[in-house]
């Protein structure tokens, strides 16, 4: 295969997205409690920012119908999905609702806690920054819950697991 170079812009948007897709990321679902009930969104733009204070960030798309509710949320939880939680990732990528008594409970932080992620970070809103067609949401972690397991991975538009070395 040959190497290509380009300047990101309107006419190279697909090539830019494809190049970004070569970086594998974990898959998370962010939840919050609104006046209409629990709300969720699948996110792969998630990273640790600071250990002291413990800060995380994630980036909702400004064109998402769920954007405004999440950037206004004073509390939210970020769930790192297990590799067997593909259906949950797909559902919350398309729909912000769909909570049942079987798939969530209220966390001690008063946010929707999904069942069986490999990690959950309960956060209070720290800051929100505009960033082009997304917003950067910084959360201060108030509680962490984790368990052993393999995470769900997203790369080049596909979901999968992580190959474990023997």
Protein backbone atom coordinates (compact mmCIF):
# COMPACT_ATOMS: atom_id res chain seq x y z
CA UNK A 1 0.00 0.00 0.00
CA UNK A 2 1.18 3.48 -0.71
CA UNK A 3 1.40 6.29 1.77
CA UNK A 4 -0.72 9.42 1.19
CA UNK A 5 -0.51 12.92 2.61
CA UNK A 6 -3.22 15.58 2.60
CA UNK A 7 -4.35 18.72 4.35
CA UNK A 8 -7.54 18.18 6.39
CA UNK A 9 -10.47 20.09 4.93
CA UNK A 10 -13.95 19.75 3.46
CA UNK A 11 -12.72 17.87 0.40
CA UNK A 12 -10.62 15.39 2.44
CA UNK A 13 -13.05 14.79 5.30
CA UNK A 14 -13.47 11.06 4.56
CA UNK A 15 -9.70 10.51 4.34
CA UNK A 16 -9.23 12.41 7.61
CA UNK A 17 -11.88 10.30 9.37
CA UNK A 18 -10.29 7.12 8.00
CA UNK A 19 -6.85 8.17 9.27
CA UNK A 20 -8.28 8.93 12.74
CA UNK A 21 -10.02 5.55 12.67
CA UNK A 22 -6.67 3.78 12.55
CA UNK A 23 -6.32 4.55 16.27
CA UNK A 24 -8.12 1.95 18.41
CA UNK A 25 -10.08 3.31 21.34
CA UNK A 26 -12.08 1.87 24.16
CA UNK A 27 -15.84 2.24 24.15
CA UNK A 28 -17.69 4.08 26.88
CA UNK A 29 -21.27 5.02 27.64
CA UNK A 30 -21.86 8.27 29.49
CA UNK A 31 -25.04 8.56 31.57
CA UNK A 32 -26.79 11.33 33.45
CA UNK A 33 -30.13 11.84 35.12
CA UNK A 34 -32.38 14.49 33.55
CA UNK A 35 -35.80 15.79 34.52
CA UNK A 36 -37.18 13.28 31.98
CA UNK A 37 -35.24 10.33 33.43
CA UNK A 38 -31.93 8.63 32.62
CA UNK A 39 -30.06 9.60 29.44
CA UNK A 40 -27.05 7.90 27.80
CA UNK A 41 -24.67 8.30 24.88
CA UNK A 42 -21.94 6.02 23.49
CA UNK A 43 -18.57 7.77 23.35
CA UNK A 44 -15.04 6.84 22.30
CA UNK A 45 -13.57 10.33 22.88
CA UNK A 46 -12.59 9.66 26.49
CA UNK A 47 -9.29 10.13 28.28
CA UNK A 48 -7.69 10.79 31.63
CA UNK A 49 -6.51 14.39 32.03
CA UNK A 50 -5.16 14.78 35.56
CA UNK A 51 -4.45 12.65 38.61
CA UNK A 52 -4.63 15.56 41.08
CA UNK A 53 -7.39 16.52 40.92
CA UNK A 54 -8.70 13.35 39.23
CA UNK A 55 -10.07 14.69 35.93
CA UNK A 56 -11.43 12.90 32.86
CA UNK A 57 -12.70 14.31 29.59
CA UNK A 58 -15.09 13.26 26.87
CA UNK A 59 -16.33 15.11 23.80
CA UNK A 60 -19.99 15.13 22.69
CA UNK A 61 -20.82 16.21 19.14
CA UNK A 62 -22.58 19.59 19.11
CA UNK A 63 -25.02 18.30 16.48
CA UNK A 64 -26.22 15.50 18.78
CA UNK A 65 -29.73 15.93 20.17
CA UNK A 66 -28.25 14.82 23.52
CA UNK A 67 -25.41 17.39 23.52
CA UNK A 68 -27.14 20.15 25.46
CA UNK A 69 -28.42 17.85 28.21
CA UNK A 70 -24.95 16.42 28.76
CA UNK A 71 -23.01 19.70 28.77
CA UNK A 72 -25.55 21.06 31.30
CA UNK A 73 -25.39 17.96 33.53
CA UNK A 74 -23.82 18.66 36.90
CA UNK A 75 -23.21 14.93 37.48
CA UNK A 76 -22.54 12.08 35.05
CA UNK A 77 -21.00 8.61 34.96
CA UNK A 78 -18.62 7.22 32.36
CA UNK A 79 -18.86 3.44 31.88
CA UNK A 80 -15.99 1.54 30.22
CA UNK A 81 -17.78 -1.28 28.41
CA UNK A 82 -16.77 -4.93 28.53
CA UNK A 83 -16.17 -6.72 25.23
CA UNK A 84 -19.51 -8.56 25.57
CA UNK A 85 -21.45 -5.27 25.80
CA UNK A 86 -21.57 -4.52 22.06
CA UNK A 87 -25.39 -4.43 22.05
CA UNK A 88 -25.38 -1.75 24.76
CA UNK A 89 -22.81 0.32 22.84
CA UNK A 90 -24.88 0.09 19.66
CA UNK A 91 -28.14 0.92 21.42
CA UNK A 92 -26.87 4.04 23.18
CA UNK A 93 -25.05 5.19 20.05
CA UNK A 94 -28.47 5.44 18.37
CA UNK A 95 -30.81 6.13 21.31
CA UNK A 96 -30.44 8.01 24.57
CA UNK A 97 -33.21 6.09 26.28
CA UNK A 98 -33.97 2.39 26.60
CA UNK A 99 -33.22 1.95 30.27
CA UNK A 100 -34.94 -0.97 31.97
CA UNK A 101 -35.01 -2.17 35.58
CA UNK A 102 -32.58 -4.90 34.50
CA UNK A 103 -29.84 -2.73 32.95
CA UNK A 104 -29.35 0.12 35.43
CA UNK A 105 -29.67 1.37 38.98
CA UNK A 106 -29.07 4.71 40.66
CA UNK A 107 -25.44 5.10 41.75
CA UNK A 108 -24.42 6.65 45.09
CA UNK A 109 -23.58 9.76 42.99
CA UNK A 110 -27.23 9.89 41.84
CA UNK A 111 -26.38 9.03 38.24
CA UNK A 112 -27.60 6.07 36.19
CA UNK A 113 -25.19 3.17 36.77
CA UNK A 114 -25.28 0.59 33.97
CA UNK A 115 -24.86 -3.08 34.84
CA UNK A 116 -21.48 -4.82 34.51
CA UNK A 117 -19.08 -2.34 32.90
CA UNK A 118 -15.42 -3.08 33.59
CA UNK A 119 -15.12 0.41 35.11
CA UNK A 120 -17.43 3.26 36.06
CA UNK A 121 -16.26 6.77 36.87
CA UNK A 122 -18.82 8.90 38.71
CA UNK A 123 -18.09 12.56 38.02
CA UNK A 124 -19.20 16.06 38.83
CA UNK A 125 -18.92 18.66 36.10
CA UNK A 126 -15.62 20.51 36.27
CA UNK A 127 -15.60 22.57 33.04
CA UNK A 128 -16.98 22.63 29.49
CA UNK A 129 -15.05 24.10 26.57
CA UNK A 130 -16.22 24.66 22.97
CA UNK A 131 -14.01 22.80 20.49
CA UNK A 132 -15.10 23.12 16.87
CA UNK A 133 -18.01 20.78 16.16
CA UNK A 134 -17.69 19.14 19.61
CA UNK A 135 -17.55 20.27 23.23
CA UNK A 136 -14.89 19.17 25.70
CA UNK A 137 -16.53 18.08 28.95
CA UNK A 138 -14.19 17.78 31.93
CA UNK A 139 -15.40 15.81 34.91
CA UNK A 140 -13.90 15.52 38.36
CA UNK A 141 -14.04 11.88 39.43
CA UNK A 142 -15.78 11.42 42.79
CA UNK A 143 -16.03 7.60 42.85
CA UNK A 144 -14.61 4.69 40.82
CA UNK A 145 -16.05 1.19 40.54
CA UNK A 146 -14.14 -1.47 38.58
CA UNK A 147 -13.90 -5.21 37.98
CA UNK A 148 -11.62 -7.50 35.97
CA UNK A 149 -12.45 -8.04 32.32
CA UNK A 150 -11.60 -7.22 28.74
CA UNK A 151 -12.81 -3.98 27.23
CA UNK A 152 -14.78 -3.37 24.06
CA UNK A 153 -12.59 -1.75 21.37
CA UNK A 154 -13.52 0.44 18.39
CA UNK A 155 -11.25 0.79 15.34
CA UNK A 156 -11.91 1.67 11.69
CA UNK A 157 -15.65 1.66 12.24
CA UNK A 158 -15.67 -1.81 13.80
CA UNK A 159 -16.16 -3.09 17.32
CA UNK A 160 -14.13 -5.94 18.74
CA UNK A 161 -12.00 -7.22 21.58
CA UNK A 162 -8.35 -6.98 22.39
CA UNK A 163 -6.13 -9.90 21.40
CA UNK A 164 -4.60 -11.29 24.57
CA UNK A 165 -1.01 -12.54 24.45
CA UNK A 166 -0.48 -16.07 25.88
